């Protein structure tokens, strides 16, 4: 992938919203879909991601969020 982005592991997310609040660019929202645990999980949808990692650092669920930073050409 050539752009910064965040991958949310839907099955790990409990929809607490901590990452949504922590994102300085507003790249994350709580979606309407429900995972197998019964939680509305977080969705990533933005071109503004700087791959700062704030969402990753504040998430209480290990493995729920992975941040990818685009390689410079």
PDB file of N, CA and C in Angstrom:
ATOM      1  N   UNK A   1       0.852  -1.187   0.000  1.00  0.00           N
ATOM      2  CA  UNK A   1       0.000   0.000   0.000  1.00  0.00           C
ATOM      3  C   UNK A   1       0.888   1.238   0.000  1.00  0.00           C
ATOM      4  N   UNK A   2       0.477   2.241  -0.710  1.00  0.00           N
ATOM      5  CA  UNK A   2       1.304   3.431  -0.847  1.00  0.00           C
ATOM      6  C   UNK A   2       0.902   4.569   0.077  1.00  0.00           C
ATOM      7  N   UNK A   3      -0.159   4.389   0.853  1.00  0.00           N
ATOM      8  CA  UNK A   3      -0.619   5.438   1.761  1.00  0.00           C
ATOM      9  C   UNK A   3      -0.577   4.942   3.198  1.00  0.00           C
ATOM     10  N   UNK A   4      -0.449   5.900   4.118  1.00  0.00           N
ATOM     11  CA  UNK A   4      -0.554   5.553   5.530  1.00  0.00           C
ATOM     12  C   UNK A   4      -1.953   5.008   5.776  1.00  0.00           C
ATOM     13  N   UNK A   5      -2.034   3.974   6.598  1.00  0.00           N
ATOM     14  CA  UNK A   5      -3.352   3.447   6.931  1.00  0.00           C
ATOM     15  C   UNK A   5      -3.314   2.636   8.220  1.00  0.00           C
ATOM     16  N   UNK A   6      -4.493   2.373   8.723  1.00  0.00           N
ATOM     17  CA  UNK A   6      -4.665   1.628   9.965  1.00  0.00           C
ATOM     18  C   UNK A   6      -5.531   0.413   9.660  1.00  0.00           C
ATOM     19  N   UNK A   7      -5.101  -0.738  10.154  1.00  0.00           N
ATOM     20  CA  UNK A   7      -5.898  -1.959  10.004  1.00  0.00           C
ATOM     21  C   UNK A   7      -6.478  -2.298  11.371  1.00  0.00           C
ATOM     22  N   UNK A   8      -7.776  -2.436  11.404  1.00  0.00           N
ATOM     23  CA  UNK A   8      -8.481  -2.811  12.624  1.00  0.00           C
ATOM     24  C   UNK A   8      -8.831  -4.293  12.519  1.00  0.00           C
ATOM     25  N   UNK A   9      -8.439  -5.059  13.503  1.00  0.00           N
ATOM     26  CA  UNK A   9      -8.817  -6.477  13.564  1.00  0.00           C
ATOM     27  C   UNK A   9     -10.213  -6.512  14.186  1.00  0.00           C
ATOM     28  N   UNK A  10     -11.221  -6.609  13.336  1.00  0.00           N
ATOM     29  CA  UNK A  10     -12.618  -6.487  13.775  1.00  0.00           C
ATOM     30  C   UNK A  10     -12.977  -7.411  14.931  1.00  0.00           C
ATOM     31  N   UNK A  11     -12.461  -8.621  14.900  1.00  0.00           N
ATOM     32  CA  UNK A  11     -12.804  -9.591  15.945  1.00  0.00           C
ATOM     33  C   UNK A  11     -12.188  -9.251  17.298  1.00  0.00           C
ATOM     34  N   UNK A  12     -11.163  -8.406  17.320  1.00  0.00           N
ATOM     35  CA  UNK A  12     -10.503  -8.019  18.575  1.00  0.00           C
ATOM     36  C   UNK A  12     -11.071  -6.720  19.158  1.00  0.00           C
ATOM     37  N   UNK A  13     -11.678  -5.894  18.312  1.00  0.00           N
ATOM     38  CA  UNK A  13     -12.157  -4.572  18.732  1.00  0.00           C
ATOM     39  C   UNK A  13     -13.416  -4.698  19.572  1.00  0.00           C
ATOM     40  N   UNK A  14     -13.435  -3.966  20.697  1.00  0.00           N
ATOM     41  CA  UNK A  14     -14.610  -3.955  21.568  1.00  0.00           C
ATOM     42  C   UNK A  14     -15.360  -2.628  21.492  1.00  0.00           C
ATOM     43  N   UNK A  15     -14.984  -1.793  20.529  1.00  0.00           N
ATOM     44  CA  UNK A  15     -15.723  -0.560  20.276  1.00  0.00           C
ATOM     45  C   UNK A  15     -15.706   0.442  21.410  1.00  0.00           C
ATOM     46  N   UNK A  16     -14.658   0.450  22.204  1.00  0.00           N
ATOM     47  CA  UNK A  16     -14.605   1.367  23.353  1.00  0.00           C
ATOM     48  C   UNK A  16     -14.469   2.830  22.921  1.00  0.00           C
ATOM     49  N   UNK A  17     -13.903   3.061  21.725  1.00  0.00           N
ATOM     50  CA  UNK A  17     -13.794   4.419  21.200  1.00  0.00           C
ATOM     51  C   UNK A  17     -12.585   5.203  21.662  1.00  0.00           C
ATOM     52  N   UNK A  18     -11.710   4.593  22.438  1.00  0.00           N
ATOM     53  CA  UNK A  18     -10.526   5.307  22.930  1.00  0.00           C
ATOM     54  C   UNK A  18      -9.652   5.750  21.745  1.00  0.00           C
ATOM     55  N   UNK A  19      -9.490   4.876  20.765  1.00  0.00           N
ATOM     56  CA  UNK A  19      -8.675   5.209  19.596  1.00  0.00           C
ATOM     57  C   UNK A  19      -9.326   6.314  18.766  1.00  0.00           C
ATOM     58  N   UNK A  20     -10.649   6.293  18.682  1.00  0.00           N
ATOM     59  CA  UNK A  20     -11.382   7.316  17.936  1.00  0.00           C
ATOM     60  C   UNK A  20     -11.103   8.681  18.545  1.00  0.00           C
ATOM     61  N   UNK A  21     -11.162   8.763  19.866  1.00  0.00           N
ATOM     62  CA  UNK A  21     -10.901  10.026  20.570  1.00  0.00           C
ATOM     63  C   UNK A  21      -9.448  10.452  20.464  1.00  0.00           C
ATOM     64  N   UNK A  22      -8.529   9.491  20.380  1.00  0.00           N
ATOM     65  CA  UNK A  22      -7.097   9.806  20.376  1.00  0.00           C
ATOM     66  C   UNK A  22      -6.581  10.241  19.008  1.00  0.00           C
ATOM     67  N   UNK A  23      -7.273   9.900  17.938  1.00  0.00           N
ATOM     68  CA  UNK A  23      -6.780  10.200  16.596  1.00  0.00           C
ATOM     69  C   UNK A  23      -6.833  11.701  16.313  1.00  0.00           C
ATOM     70  N   UNK A  24      -5.669  12.338  16.103  1.00  0.00           N
ATOM     71  CA  UNK A  24      -5.648  13.787  15.891  1.00  0.00           C
ATOM     72  C   UNK A  24      -6.224  14.209  14.540  1.00  0.00           C
ATOM     73  N   UNK A  25      -6.339  13.289  13.600  1.00  0.00           N
ATOM     74  CA  UNK A  25      -6.840  13.612  12.258  1.00  0.00           C
ATOM     75  C   UNK A  25      -8.265  13.122  12.017  1.00  0.00           C
ATOM     76  N   UNK A  26      -8.873  12.484  13.014  1.00  0.00           N
ATOM     77  CA  UNK A  26     -10.246  12.012  12.878  1.00  0.00           C
ATOM     78  C   UNK A  26     -10.422  10.907  11.849  1.00  0.00           C
ATOM     79  N   UNK A  27      -9.456  10.017  11.783  1.00  0.00           N
ATOM     80  CA  UNK A  27      -9.461   8.949  10.780  1.00  0.00           C
ATOM     81  C   UNK A  27     -10.278   7.727  11.175  1.00  0.00           C
ATOM     82  N   UNK A  28     -10.699   7.663  12.410  1.00  0.00           N
ATOM     83  CA  UNK A  28     -11.399   6.478  12.909  1.00  0.00           C
ATOM     84  C   UNK A  28     -12.799   6.845  13.389  1.00  0.00           C
ATOM     85  N   UNK A  29     -13.732   5.934  13.155  1.00  0.00           N
ATOM     86  CA  UNK A  29     -15.094   6.107  13.646  1.00  0.00           C
ATOM     87  C   UNK A  29     -15.602   4.751  14.138  1.00  0.00           C
ATOM     88  N   UNK A  30     -16.605   4.777  14.976  1.00  0.00           N
ATOM     89  CA  UNK A  30     -17.234   3.527  15.382  1.00  0.00           C
ATOM     90  C   UNK A  30     -18.279   3.203  14.317  1.00  0.00           C
ATOM     91  N   UNK A  31     -18.142   2.032  13.733  1.00  0.00           N
ATOM     92  CA  UNK A  31     -19.033   1.628  12.652  1.00  0.00           C
ATOM     93  C   UNK A  31     -20.378   1.130  13.150  1.00  0.00           C
ATOM     94  N   UNK A  32     -21.203   0.745  12.210  1.00  0.00           N
ATOM     95  CA  UNK A  32     -22.533   0.236  12.539  1.00  0.00           C
ATOM     96  C   UNK A  32     -22.575  -1.291  12.537  1.00  0.00           C
ATOM     97  N   UNK A  33     -21.569  -1.909  11.936  1.00  0.00           N
ATOM     98  CA  UNK A  33     -21.530  -3.368  11.885  1.00  0.00           C
ATOM     99  C   UNK A  33     -21.117  -3.942  13.237  1.00  0.00           C
ATOM    100  N   UNK A  34     -21.604  -5.138  13.537  1.00  0.00           N
ATOM    101  CA  UNK A  34     -21.351  -5.808  14.810  1.00  0.00           C
ATOM    102  C   UNK A  34     -20.446  -7.013  14.563  1.00  0.00           C
ATOM    103  N   UNK A  35     -19.423  -7.166  15.415  1.00  0.00           N
ATOM    104  CA  UNK A  35     -18.541  -8.329  15.269  1.00  0.00           C
ATOM    105  C   UNK A  35     -19.130  -9.534  15.999  1.00  0.00           C
ATOM    106  N   UNK A  36     -18.441 -10.672  15.930  1.00  0.00           N
ATOM    107  CA  UNK A  36     -18.960 -11.901  16.533  1.00  0.00           C
ATOM    108  C   UNK A  36     -19.051 -11.848  18.057  1.00  0.00           C
ATOM    109  N   UNK A  37     -18.397 -10.845  18.662  1.00  0.00           N
ATOM    110  CA  UNK A  37     -18.491 -10.681  20.112  1.00  0.00           C
ATOM    111  C   UNK A  37     -19.666  -9.783  20.511  1.00  0.00           C
ATOM    112  N   UNK A  38     -20.310  -9.174  19.515  1.00  0.00           N
ATOM    113  CA  UNK A  38     -21.455  -8.321  19.785  1.00  0.00           C
ATOM    114  C   UNK A  38     -21.130  -6.845  19.909  1.00  0.00           C
ATOM    115  N   UNK A  39     -19.938  -6.436  19.478  1.00  0.00           N
ATOM    116  CA  UNK A  39     -19.516  -5.040  19.580  1.00  0.00           C
ATOM    117  C   UNK A  39     -19.535  -4.358  18.211  1.00  0.00           C
ATOM    118  N   UNK A  40     -19.924  -3.092  18.195  1.00  0.00           N
ATOM    119  CA  UNK A  40     -19.778  -2.260  16.999  1.00  0.00           C
ATOM    120  C   UNK A  40     -18.315  -1.849  16.957  1.00  0.00           C
ATOM    121  N   UNK A  41     -17.605  -2.334  15.967  1.00  0.00           N
ATOM    122  CA  UNK A  41     -16.158  -2.119  15.926  1.00  0.00           C
ATOM    123  C   UNK A  41     -15.772  -0.867  15.151  1.00  0.00           C
ATOM    124  N   UNK A  42     -14.540  -0.452  15.345  1.00  0.00           N
ATOM    125  CA  UNK A  42     -14.002   0.775  14.760  1.00  0.00           C
ATOM    126  C   UNK A  42     -13.672   0.559  13.287  1.00  0.00           C
ATOM    127  N   UNK A  43     -13.895   1.610  12.501  1.00  0.00           N
ATOM    128  CA  UNK A  43     -13.585   1.613  11.072  1.00  0.00           C
ATOM    129  C   UNK A  43     -12.564   2.712  10.786  1.00  0.00           C
ATOM    130  N   UNK A  44     -11.655   2.412   9.862  1.00  0.00           N
ATOM    131  CA  UNK A  44     -10.692   3.402   9.387  1.00  0.00           C
ATOM    132  C   UNK A  44     -11.164   3.863   8.021  1.00  0.00           C
ATOM    133  N   UNK A  45     -11.254   5.178   7.840  1.00  0.00           N
ATOM    134  CA  UNK A  45     -11.679   5.709   6.550  1.00  0.00           C
ATOM    135  C   UNK A  45     -11.195   7.148   6.420  1.00  0.00           C
ATOM    136  N   UNK A  46      -9.966   7.303   5.940  1.00  0.00           N
ATOM    137  CA  UNK A  46      -9.455   8.659   5.786  1.00  0.00           C
ATOM    138  C   UNK A  46      -8.199   8.691   4.940  1.00  0.00           C
ATOM    139  N   UNK A  47      -8.059   9.744   4.216  1.00  0.00           N
ATOM    140  CA  UNK A  47      -6.844  10.002   3.444  1.00  0.00           C
ATOM    141  C   UNK A  47      -5.856  10.830   4.283  1.00  0.00           C
ATOM    142  N   UNK A  48      -6.284  11.253   5.469  1.00  0.00           N
ATOM    143  CA  UNK A  48      -5.492  12.175   6.290  1.00  0.00           C
ATOM    144  C   UNK A  48      -4.569  11.505   7.291  1.00  0.00           C
ATOM    145  N   UNK A  49      -4.516  10.193   7.322  1.00  0.00           N
ATOM    146  CA  UNK A  49      -3.721   9.472   8.306  1.00  0.00           C
ATOM    147  C   UNK A  49      -2.234   9.815   8.165  1.00  0.00           C
ATOM    148  N   UNK A  50      -1.626  10.154   9.293  1.00  0.00           N
ATOM    149  CA  UNK A  50      -0.188  10.449   9.307  1.00  0.00           C
ATOM    150  C   UNK A  50       0.614   9.285   9.874  1.00  0.00           C
ATOM    151  N   UNK A  51      -0.054   8.196  10.238  1.00  0.00           N
ATOM    152  CA  UNK A  51       0.577   7.021  10.850  1.00  0.00           C
ATOM    153  C   UNK A  51       1.307   7.387  12.136  1.00  0.00           C
ATOM    154  N   UNK A  52       0.703   8.274  12.907  1.00  0.00           N
ATOM    155  CA  UNK A  52       1.321   8.727  14.161  1.00  0.00           C
ATOM    156  C   UNK A  52       1.339   7.618  15.214  1.00  0.00           C
ATOM    157  N   UNK A  53       0.394   6.671  15.126  1.00  0.00           N
ATOM    158  CA  UNK A  53       0.361   5.557  16.059  1.00  0.00           C
ATOM    159  C   UNK A  53      -0.410   5.801  17.339  1.00  0.00           C
ATOM    160  N   UNK A  54      -1.021   6.961  17.480  1.00  0.00           N
ATOM    161  CA  UNK A  54      -1.758   7.244  18.721  1.00  0.00           C
ATOM    162  C   UNK A  54      -2.857   6.212  18.972  1.00  0.00           C
ATOM    163  N   UNK A  55      -3.551   5.806  17.919  1.00  0.00           N
ATOM    164  CA  UNK A  55      -4.618   4.811  18.080  1.00  0.00           C
ATOM    165  C   UNK A  55      -4.054   3.499  18.616  1.00  0.00           C
ATOM    166  N   UNK A  56      -2.920   3.101  18.088  1.00  0.00           N
ATOM    167  CA  UNK A  56      -2.256   1.863  18.517  1.00  0.00           C
ATOM    168  C   UNK A  56      -1.855   1.938  19.985  1.00  0.00           C
ATOM    169  N   UNK A  57      -1.261   3.053  20.387  1.00  0.00           N
ATOM    170  CA  UNK A  57      -0.749   3.184  21.747  1.00  0.00           C
ATOM    171  C   UNK A  57      -1.843   3.244  22.806  1.00  0.00           C
ATOM    172  N   UNK A  58      -3.005   3.789  22.478  1.00  0.00           N
ATOM    173  CA  UNK A  58      -4.059   3.914  23.490  1.00  0.00           C
ATOM    174  C   UNK A  58      -5.011   2.721  23.524  1.00  0.00           C
ATOM    175  N   UNK A  59      -4.979   1.880  22.510  1.00  0.00           N
ATOM    176  CA  UNK A  59      -5.909   0.746  22.433  1.00  0.00           C
ATOM    177  C   UNK A  59      -5.632  -0.265  23.548  1.00  0.00           C
ATOM    178  N   UNK A  60      -6.667  -0.605  24.334  1.00  0.00           N
ATOM    179  CA  UNK A  60      -6.473  -1.575  25.414  1.00  0.00           C
ATOM    180  C   UNK A  60      -6.445  -3.035  24.946  1.00  0.00           C
ATOM    181  N   UNK A  61      -6.756  -3.279  23.689  1.00  0.00           N
ATOM    182  CA  UNK A  61      -6.792  -4.650  23.160  1.00  0.00           C
ATOM    183  C   UNK A  61      -5.544  -4.943  22.335  1.00  0.00           C
ATOM    184  N   UNK A  62      -4.632  -5.764  22.851  1.00  0.00           N
ATOM    185  CA  UNK A  62      -3.419  -6.084  22.090  1.00  0.00           C
ATOM    186  C   UNK A  62      -3.783  -6.768  20.778  1.00  0.00           C
ATOM    187  N   UNK A  63      -3.225  -6.298  19.707  1.00  0.00           N
ATOM    188  CA  UNK A  63      -3.457  -6.902  18.406  1.00  0.00           C
ATOM    189  C   UNK A  63      -4.670  -6.391  17.664  1.00  0.00           C
ATOM    190  N   UNK A  64      -5.412  -5.453  18.230  1.00  0.00           N
ATOM    191  CA  UNK A  64      -6.606  -4.947  17.555  1.00  0.00           C
ATOM    192  C   UNK A  64      -6.273  -3.927  16.472  1.00  0.00           C
ATOM    193  N   UNK A  65      -5.182  -3.192  16.651  1.00  0.00           N
ATOM    194  CA  UNK A  65      -4.829  -2.119  15.714  1.00  0.00           C
ATOM    195  C   UNK A  65      -3.399  -2.295  15.232  1.00  0.00           C
ATOM    196  N   UNK A  66      -3.229  -2.169  13.920  1.00  0.00           N
ATOM    197  CA  UNK A  66      -1.904  -2.137  13.320  1.00  0.00           C
ATOM    198  C   UNK A  66      -1.831  -0.895  12.453  1.00  0.00           C
ATOM    199  N   UNK A  67      -0.752  -0.126  12.595  1.00  0.00           N
ATOM    200  CA  UNK A  67      -0.572   1.109  11.829  1.00  0.00           C
ATOM    201  C   UNK A  67       0.509   0.872  10.774  1.00  0.00           C
ATOM    202  N   UNK A  68       0.189   1.259   9.551  1.00  0.00           N
ATOM    203  CA  UNK A  68       1.130   1.118   8.445  1.00  0.00           C
ATOM    204  C   UNK A  68       1.529   2.486   7.922  1.00  0.00           C
ATOM    205  N   UNK A  69       2.824   2.727   7.867  1.00  0.00           N
ATOM    206  CA  UNK A  69       3.339   3.996   7.340  1.00  0.00           C
ATOM    207  C   UNK A  69       3.856   3.755   5.934  1.00  0.00           C
ATOM    208  N   UNK A  70       3.456   4.623   5.019  1.00  0.00           N
ATOM    209  CA  UNK A  70       3.874   4.486   3.626  1.00  0.00           C
ATOM    210  C   UNK A  70       5.377   4.682   3.499  1.00  0.00           C
ATOM    211  N   UNK A  71       5.965   3.916   2.610  1.00  0.00           N
ATOM    212  CA  UNK A  71       7.399   4.068   2.347  1.00  0.00           C
ATOM    213  C   UNK A  71       7.622   5.297   1.494  1.00  0.00           C
ATOM    214  N   UNK A  72       8.662   6.048   1.828  1.00  0.00           N
ATOM    215  CA  UNK A  72       9.007   7.219   1.024  1.00  0.00           C
ATOM    216  C   UNK A  72       9.711   6.765  -0.233  1.00  0.00           C
ATOM    217  N   UNK A  73       9.386   7.372  -1.319  1.00  0.00           N
ATOM    218  CA  UNK A  73       9.987   6.986  -2.597  1.00  0.00           C
ATOM    219  C   UNK A  73      11.190   7.835  -2.911  1.00  0.00           C
TER     220      UNK A  73
END
